[in-house]
Amino acid sequence: MGSHSAEVWLVLLVATIAANLPFVNDRLFVVGPQRQPKRWPWRLLELALMAGLTLLVGMGLEARIGQRQPQGWEFYAAGACLFLTLAFPGFVWRVLRRQQG
């Protein structure tokens, strides 16, 4: 088994994009009807679903590389915190843009 840094960077790139999509897009689930303004419960639901999709992408890449390792709750808690941290730029952009307009 060699280094799998490309897969790690791919998951981080997917996570960064997915974490910010609910804040930079006013469509429901990126492709649905446009909502003006899109309410915060929708954004939080989208954020949770994007986190789940990112987790599935990571699990898929891990399974493709080799055997998938079982994870405890600590892994998922740390992953959720990382995902929320990656969403911070989109959240700030949404709040600051709204205050300007």
Protein backbone atom coordinates (compact mmCIF):
# COMPACT_ATOMS: atom_id res chain seq x y z
CA MET A 1 0.00 0.00 0.00
CA GLY A 2 1.40 3.35 -1.02
CA SER A 3 0.55 6.88 -0.08
CA HIS A 4 -3.02 7.91 -0.78
CA SER A 5 -2.64 11.65 -0.42
CA ALA A 6 -4.57 12.36 -3.65
CA GLU A 7 -7.67 10.68 -2.20
CA VAL A 8 -7.33 12.64 1.04
CA TRP A 9 -7.06 15.93 -0.85
CA LEU A 10 -10.05 14.96 -3.00
CA VAL A 11 -12.23 14.35 0.07
CA LEU A 12 -11.09 17.66 1.60
CA LEU A 13 -11.89 19.51 -1.64
CA VAL A 14 -15.32 17.87 -1.87
CA ALA A 15 -15.97 18.69 1.80
CA THR A 16 -14.95 22.35 1.36
CA ILE A 17 -17.22 22.82 -1.65
CA ALA A 18 -20.11 20.89 -0.11
CA ALA A 19 -19.87 22.77 3.19
CA ASN A 20 -20.18 26.16 1.49
CA LEU A 21 -22.87 25.33 -1.09
CA PRO A 22 -25.84 25.88 1.26
CA PHE A 23 -24.65 29.43 1.95
CA VAL A 24 -23.69 30.58 -1.55
CA ASN A 25 -26.69 29.10 -3.35
CA ASP A 26 -30.36 30.08 -2.97
CA ARG A 27 -31.70 26.97 -4.69
CA LEU A 28 -33.01 24.08 -2.62
CA PHE A 29 -30.42 21.32 -2.58
CA VAL A 30 -28.40 23.16 -5.25
CA VAL A 31 -30.67 22.13 -8.16
CA GLY A 32 -34.19 22.67 -6.81
CA PRO A 33 -36.42 25.71 -7.11
CA GLN A 34 -34.96 29.05 -6.12
CA ARG A 35 -36.03 30.39 -2.74
CA GLN A 36 -35.72 34.10 -1.98
CA PRO A 37 -34.69 34.25 0.77
CA LYS A 38 -33.86 30.68 1.66
CA ARG A 39 -34.55 30.23 5.38
CA TRP A 40 -31.99 28.97 7.89
CA PRO A 41 -33.70 25.61 8.55
CA TRP A 42 -33.29 24.78 4.86
CA ARG A 43 -29.63 25.78 4.98
CA LEU A 44 -29.02 23.62 8.07
CA LEU A 45 -30.79 20.65 6.47
CA GLU A 46 -28.70 21.07 3.33
CA LEU A 47 -25.55 21.35 5.43
CA ALA A 48 -26.37 18.07 7.21
CA LEU A 49 -27.13 16.30 3.91
CA MET A 50 -23.92 17.63 2.34
CA ALA A 51 -21.98 16.32 5.33
CA GLY A 52 -23.56 12.91 4.84
CA LEU A 53 -22.77 12.91 1.12
CA THR A 54 -19.18 13.89 1.84
CA LEU A 55 -18.96 11.05 4.34
CA LEU A 56 -20.25 8.64 1.69
CA VAL A 57 -17.66 9.90 -0.82
CA GLY A 58 -14.92 9.34 1.75
CA MET A 59 -16.18 5.87 2.59
CA GLY A 60 -16.38 5.01 -1.10
CA LEU A 61 -12.80 6.11 -1.71
CA GLU A 62 -11.64 4.21 1.36
CA ALA A 63 -13.39 1.06 0.15
CA ARG A 64 -11.84 1.48 -3.31
CA ILE A 65 -8.36 1.81 -1.82
CA GLY A 66 -8.70 -1.19 0.45
CA GLN A 67 -10.59 -2.41 3.46
CA ARG A 68 -12.85 0.15 5.14
CA GLN A 69 -11.97 0.65 8.80
CA PRO A 70 -14.69 0.71 11.47
CA GLN A 71 -15.00 4.08 13.22
CA GLY A 72 -16.28 5.09 16.62
CA TRP A 73 -18.39 8.10 17.55
CA GLU A 74 -15.24 10.19 18.03
CA PHE A 75 -14.49 10.02 14.31
CA TYR A 76 -17.95 11.25 13.38
CA ALA A 77 -17.88 14.03 16.00
CA ALA A 78 -14.49 15.26 14.75
CA GLY A 79 -15.70 15.01 11.14
CA ALA A 80 -18.80 17.09 11.93
CA CYS A 81 -16.65 19.74 13.61
CA LEU A 82 -14.29 19.81 10.62
CA PHE A 83 -17.23 20.12 8.24
CA LEU A 84 -18.66 23.05 10.23
CA THR A 85 -15.23 24.70 10.24
CA LEU A 86 -15.02 24.33 6.46
CA ALA A 87 -18.48 25.95 6.18
CA PHE A 88 -17.34 29.08 8.02
CA PRO A 89 -16.32 31.11 4.92
CA GLY A 90 -19.72 30.58 3.28
CA PHE A 91 -21.53 31.44 6.50
CA VAL A 92 -19.53 34.66 6.92
CA TRP A 93 -20.04 35.58 3.27
CA ARG A 94 -23.80 35.10 3.62
CA VAL A 95 -24.04 37.19 6.81
CA LEU A 96 -21.74 40.03 5.64
CA ARG A 97 -23.36 40.17 2.17
CA ARG A 98 -26.79 40.40 3.74
CA GLN A 99 -25.75 43.27 6.01
CA GLN A 100 -24.37 45.25 3.07
CA GLY A 101 -27.55 44.91 1.00
